[in-house]
C-alpha atoms as a PDB file:
ATOM      1  CA  UNK A   1       8.618 -16.902  -4.180  1.00  0.00           C
ATOM      2  CA  UNK A   2       9.530 -13.350  -4.059  1.00  0.00           C
ATOM      3  CA  UNK A   3       8.091 -12.623  -7.442  1.00  0.00           C
ATOM      4  CA  UNK A   4       4.531 -13.275  -6.093  1.00  0.00           C
ATOM      5  CA  UNK A   5       2.327 -10.686  -4.840  1.00  0.00           C
ATOM      6  CA  UNK A   6       0.870 -11.541  -1.376  1.00  0.00           C
ATOM      7  CA  UNK A   7      -2.654  -9.808  -0.823  1.00  0.00           C
ATOM      8  CA  UNK A   8      -4.295 -10.067   2.594  1.00  0.00           C
ATOM      9  CA  UNK A   9      -7.950 -11.624   2.152  1.00  0.00           C
ATOM     10  CA  UNK A  10      -9.092 -11.798   6.217  1.00  0.00           C
ATOM     11  CA  UNK A  11      -8.954  -9.104   8.665  1.00  0.00           C
ATOM     12  CA  UNK A  12      -7.215  -6.129   7.561  1.00  0.00           C
ATOM     13  CA  UNK A  13      -8.245  -6.994   3.902  1.00  0.00           C
ATOM     14  CA  UNK A  14      -6.124  -5.860   0.749  1.00  0.00           C
ATOM     15  CA  UNK A  15      -2.855  -5.230   1.905  1.00  0.00           C
ATOM     16  CA  UNK A  16      -0.524  -5.798  -0.891  1.00  0.00           C
ATOM     17  CA  UNK A  17       3.385  -6.881  -0.564  1.00  0.00           C
ATOM     18  CA  UNK A  18       5.947  -8.206  -2.500  1.00  0.00           C
ATOM     19  CA  UNK A  19       9.619  -9.417  -2.166  1.00  0.00           C
ATOM     20  CA  UNK A  20       8.925 -12.001   0.473  1.00  0.00           C
ATOM     21  CA  UNK A  21       9.277 -15.971  -0.050  1.00  0.00           C
ATOM     22  CA  UNK A  22       8.392 -18.531   2.237  1.00  0.00           C
ATOM     23  CA  UNK A  23       5.190 -19.935   3.373  1.00  0.00           C
ATOM     24  CA  UNK A  24       1.903 -17.903   3.699  1.00  0.00           C
ATOM     25  CA  UNK A  25      -0.273 -17.659   6.178  1.00  0.00           C
ATOM     26  CA  UNK A  26      -4.115 -18.737   5.206  1.00  0.00           C
ATOM     27  CA  UNK A  27      -5.091 -15.313   5.624  1.00  0.00           C
ATOM     28  CA  UNK A  28      -3.111 -14.303   2.464  1.00  0.00           C
ATOM     29  CA  UNK A  29      -3.300 -15.224  -1.528  1.00  0.00           C
ATOM     30  CA  UNK A  30      -0.028 -15.783  -3.421  1.00  0.00           C
ATOM     31  CA  UNK A  31      -0.650 -13.950  -6.823  1.00  0.00           C
ATOM     32  CA  UNK A  32       0.986 -14.482 -10.205  1.00  0.00           C
ATOM     33  CA  UNK A  33      -0.110 -12.280 -13.088  1.00  0.00           C
ATOM     34  CA  UNK A  34      -1.354 -14.319 -16.266  1.00  0.00           C
ATOM     35  CA  UNK A  35       0.599 -13.368 -19.418  1.00  0.00           C
ATOM     36  CA  UNK A  36      -0.420 -10.161 -20.893  1.00  0.00           C
ATOM     37  CA  UNK A  37      -0.437  -8.719 -17.134  1.00  0.00           C
ATOM     38  CA  UNK A  38       2.503  -7.312 -15.760  1.00  0.00           C
ATOM     39  CA  UNK A  39       3.638  -8.306 -12.264  1.00  0.00           C
ATOM     40  CA  UNK A  40       4.678  -5.057 -11.356  1.00  0.00           C
ATOM     41  CA  UNK A  41       1.279  -3.580 -12.991  1.00  0.00           C
ATOM     42  CA  UNK A  42      -0.674  -6.096 -11.157  1.00  0.00           C
ATOM     43  CA  UNK A  43       1.197  -4.940  -8.089  1.00  0.00           C
ATOM     44  CA  UNK A  44       0.234  -1.419  -8.469  1.00  0.00           C
ATOM     45  CA  UNK A  45      -3.431  -1.967  -9.687  1.00  0.00           C
ATOM     46  CA  UNK A  46      -4.157  -4.121  -6.276  1.00  0.00           C
ATOM     47  CA  UNK A  47      -2.616  -1.241  -4.205  1.00  0.00           C
ATOM     48  CA  UNK A  48      -5.020   1.170  -5.780  1.00  0.00           C
ATOM     49  CA  UNK A  49      -7.254   2.558  -2.750  1.00  0.00           C
ATOM     50  CA  UNK A  50     -10.427   2.426  -5.284  1.00  0.00           C
ATOM     51  CA  UNK A  51     -10.090  -1.199  -5.786  1.00  0.00           C
ATOM     52  CA  UNK A  52      -9.391  -2.056  -2.335  1.00  0.00           C
ATOM     53  CA  UNK A  53     -12.386  -0.430  -1.239  1.00  0.00           C
ATOM     54  CA  UNK A  54     -14.390  -2.407  -3.807  1.00  0.00           C
ATOM     55  CA  UNK A  55     -12.670  -5.542  -2.425  1.00  0.00           C
ATOM     56  CA  UNK A  56     -13.408  -4.259   1.278  1.00  0.00           C
ATOM     57  CA  UNK A  57     -17.241  -3.746   0.325  1.00  0.00           C
ATOM     58  CA  UNK A  58     -17.616  -7.184  -1.124  1.00  0.00           C
ATOM     59  CA  UNK A  59     -16.327  -8.712   2.098  1.00  0.00           C
ATOM     60  CA  UNK A  60     -18.347 -10.835   4.338  1.00  0.00           C
ATOM     61  CA  UNK A  61     -19.919  -9.195   7.167  1.00  0.00           C
ATOM     62  CA  UNK A  62     -18.758 -11.910   9.605  1.00  0.00           C
ATOM     63  CA  UNK A  63     -16.864 -10.921  12.913  1.00  0.00           C
ATOM     64  CA  UNK A  64     -13.817 -11.015  10.785  1.00  0.00           C
ATOM     65  CA  UNK A  65     -14.242  -9.541   7.125  1.00  0.00           C
ATOM     66  CA  UNK A  66     -13.080 -12.088   4.485  1.00  0.00           C
ATOM     67  CA  UNK A  67     -12.801 -12.559   0.654  1.00  0.00           C
ATOM     68  CA  UNK A  68     -13.045 -16.003  -0.983  1.00  0.00           C
ATOM     69  CA  UNK A  69     -10.901 -16.600  -3.991  1.00  0.00           C
ATOM     70  CA  UNK A  70     -14.232 -16.384  -6.147  1.00  0.00           C
ATOM     71  CA  UNK A  71     -14.803 -13.054  -5.241  1.00  0.00           C
ATOM     72  CA  UNK A  72     -11.311 -11.998  -6.002  1.00  0.00           C
ATOM     73  CA  UNK A  73     -10.916 -13.672  -9.230  1.00  0.00           C
ATOM     74  CA  UNK A  74     -14.392 -11.935 -10.404  1.00  0.00           C
ATOM     75  CA  UNK A  75     -12.452  -8.369 -10.039  1.00  0.00           C
ATOM     76  CA  UNK A  76     -11.723  -6.765 -13.452  1.00  0.00           C
ATOM     77  CA  UNK A  77      -8.433  -5.136 -14.287  1.00  0.00           C
ATOM     78  CA  UNK A  78      -7.897  -2.564 -16.985  1.00  0.00           C
ATOM     79  CA  UNK A  79      -5.412  -4.417 -19.175  1.00  0.00           C
ATOM     80  CA  UNK A  80      -3.508  -1.854 -21.651  1.00  0.00           C
ATOM     81  CA  UNK A  81      -0.917  -3.258 -23.805  1.00  0.00           C
ATOM     82  CA  UNK A  82       2.389  -4.511 -22.054  1.00  0.00           C
ATOM     83  CA  UNK A  83       4.320  -1.484 -22.916  1.00  0.00           C
ATOM     84  CA  UNK A  84       1.730   0.990 -21.872  1.00  0.00           C
ATOM     85  CA  UNK A  85       1.722  -1.414 -18.700  1.00  0.00           C
ATOM     86  CA  UNK A  86       5.329  -0.664 -18.251  1.00  0.00           C
ATOM     87  CA  UNK A  87       5.081   2.894 -19.042  1.00  0.00           C
ATOM     88  CA  UNK A  88       2.345   3.385 -16.290  1.00  0.00           C
ATOM     89  CA  UNK A  89       4.795   1.353 -13.863  1.00  0.00           C
ATOM     90  CA  UNK A  90       7.764   3.712 -14.219  1.00  0.00           C
ATOM     91  CA  UNK A  91       5.619   6.603 -13.816  1.00  0.00           C
ATOM     92  CA  UNK A  92       3.676   5.016 -10.512  1.00  0.00           C
ATOM     93  CA  UNK A  93       7.152   4.058  -9.165  1.00  0.00           C
ATOM     94  CA  UNK A  94       8.818   7.468  -9.818  1.00  0.00           C
ATOM     95  CA  UNK A  95       5.811   9.378  -8.102  1.00  0.00           C
ATOM     96  CA  UNK A  96       6.044   6.699  -5.517  1.00  0.00           C
ATOM     97  CA  UNK A  97       9.428   7.241  -4.555  1.00  0.00           C
ATOM     98  CA  UNK A  98       8.985  11.178  -4.807  1.00  0.00           C
ATOM     99  CA  UNK A  99       6.054  10.988  -2.589  1.00  0.00           C
ATOM    100  CA  UNK A 100       7.726   8.844  -0.195  1.00  0.00           C
ATOM    101  CA  UNK A 101      10.778  11.432   0.051  1.00  0.00           C
ATOM    102  CA  UNK A 102       8.232  13.900   0.689  1.00  0.00           C
ATOM    103  CA  UNK A 103       6.689  12.303   3.270  1.00  0.00           C
ATOM    104  CA  UNK A 104       9.725  11.557   5.093  1.00  0.00           C
ATOM    105  CA  UNK A 105      10.754  15.312   4.819  1.00  0.00           C
ATOM    106  CA  UNK A 106       7.429  16.589   6.292  1.00  0.00           C
ATOM    107  CA  UNK A 107       7.451  13.655   9.202  1.00  0.00           C
ATOM    108  CA  UNK A 108      11.156  15.356   9.642  1.00  0.00           C
ATOM    109  CA  UNK A 109       9.610  18.690   9.828  1.00  0.00           C
ATOM    110  CA  UNK A 110       6.908  18.159  11.900  1.00  0.00           C
ATOM    111  CA  UNK A 111       9.312  16.444  14.677  1.00  0.00           C
ATOM    112  CA  UNK A 112      11.504  19.669  14.404  1.00  0.00           C
ATOM    113  CA  UNK A 113       8.330  21.933  15.304  1.00  0.00           C
ATOM    114  CA  UNK A 114       7.269  19.479  18.190  1.00  0.00           C
ATOM    115  CA  UNK A 115      10.776  19.832  19.543  1.00  0.00           C
ATOM    116  CA  UNK A 116      10.816  23.470  18.872  1.00  0.00           C
ATOM    117  CA  UNK A 117       7.579  24.012  20.566  1.00  0.00           C
ATOM    118  CA  UNK A 118       8.731  21.746  23.463  1.00  0.00           C
ATOM    119  CA  UNK A 119      12.036  23.749  23.844  1.00  0.00           C
ATOM    120  CA  UNK A 120      10.114  27.068  23.798  1.00  0.00           C
ATOM    121  CA  UNK A 121       7.701  26.014  26.557  1.00  0.00           C
ATOM    122  CA  UNK A 122      10.412  24.834  28.940  1.00  0.00           C
ATOM    123  CA  UNK A 123      12.138  28.066  28.465  1.00  0.00           C
ATOM    124  CA  UNK A 124       8.826  29.916  28.978  1.00  0.00           C
ATOM    125  CA  UNK A 125       8.133  27.769  32.056  1.00  0.00           C
ATOM    126  CA  UNK A 126      11.629  28.741  33.439  1.00  0.00           C
ATOM    127  CA  UNK A 127      11.701  32.179  32.646  1.00  0.00           C
ATOM    128  CA  UNK A 128      14.432  32.339  29.910  1.00  0.00           C
ATOM    129  CA  UNK A 129      12.436  33.973  27.232  1.00  0.00           C
ATOM    130  CA  UNK A 130      12.552  37.503  26.782  1.00  0.00           C
END
């Protein structure tokens, strides 16, 4: 369901998604947090780069890295109170929105700089710069 967290377990391990419904590919886990663990807190915990790196390090070293249900279930999640989880999620999501906004603005500025550079080069080669 759209409330489930989708976690990739084969190939590009540790990608985390939510908001989808339907049938999952067998390279993914569907995750529902247990009582005492907020689904949103669990989502952000799984997206944490250190957690992802731990999972990647545990993946089998076959041609296609893979983690099993057993390996995944053995991972620990810091479990503060539900109120603290909600506060953490609010803060994380606020910072995430701000970061996304800054990233978009930065990418726009980089595009503007590249366009300006290209325009200057064209003018320079055309002898239009004084």
